[in-house]
Amino acid sequence: MALIGRIFVILFAFLAACFVAGMIVVGAVLYPEFSDLGDGQIDQSAFNVLIGFGFIFLSGFALLPALIVVLITEAFYIRSVLAYAVGGAIVGAACYLGLIPFDPETLKFDGIVRRHLEIMTGAGIVAGLIYWMIAGRSAGAWREPPPPLRPPPPLPSHSRPQA
């Protein structure tokens, strides 16, 4: 039963991490001048739609690489925040590089935009940290046996055993 509960926690943590990463990617790619809020109003309904699409996009592309990181951390009881940040960076970079054409003759990716790679890697790091805060701190906990039951306290010395 603990494994089923753990799967739900992992799924919730993955979705929350993808939501945050989607917000970062959409905000950084579509609004590069977002740091200067004095330029004017941002249409909130359009921003909500873009965040939703970013979430769907990232959760679809990040599922397999993130699943590999989750399986490794659960199998080896890895609970380090640094491991999740590095794993998130790798997943973010892998998601971006998965969309870029690869030339097998020159063994190079054609058309890498460095800023976009940095955005995806940074979003992966933040997503890894969000995942760690929700599910990673207790990775592998479902495999630990429950604590043994304590024996009952001893009977008082003047009591008689019941027959």
Foldseek 3Di string as FASTA:
>chain_A
DLVVVLVVLLVVLLLVLLLQLLLLLLCCPVPVVVVPPVPDDDPPVVSVVSSVVSSVLCCVLLVVLVVVLLVVCQVVVDLDLVSLLVSLLVSLLCSVQVVFDADPVVRDTPDDDVVSNVSSSVSRNSSSNSSSVRNRNCRNVSVDDDDDDDDDDDDDPPDDDDD
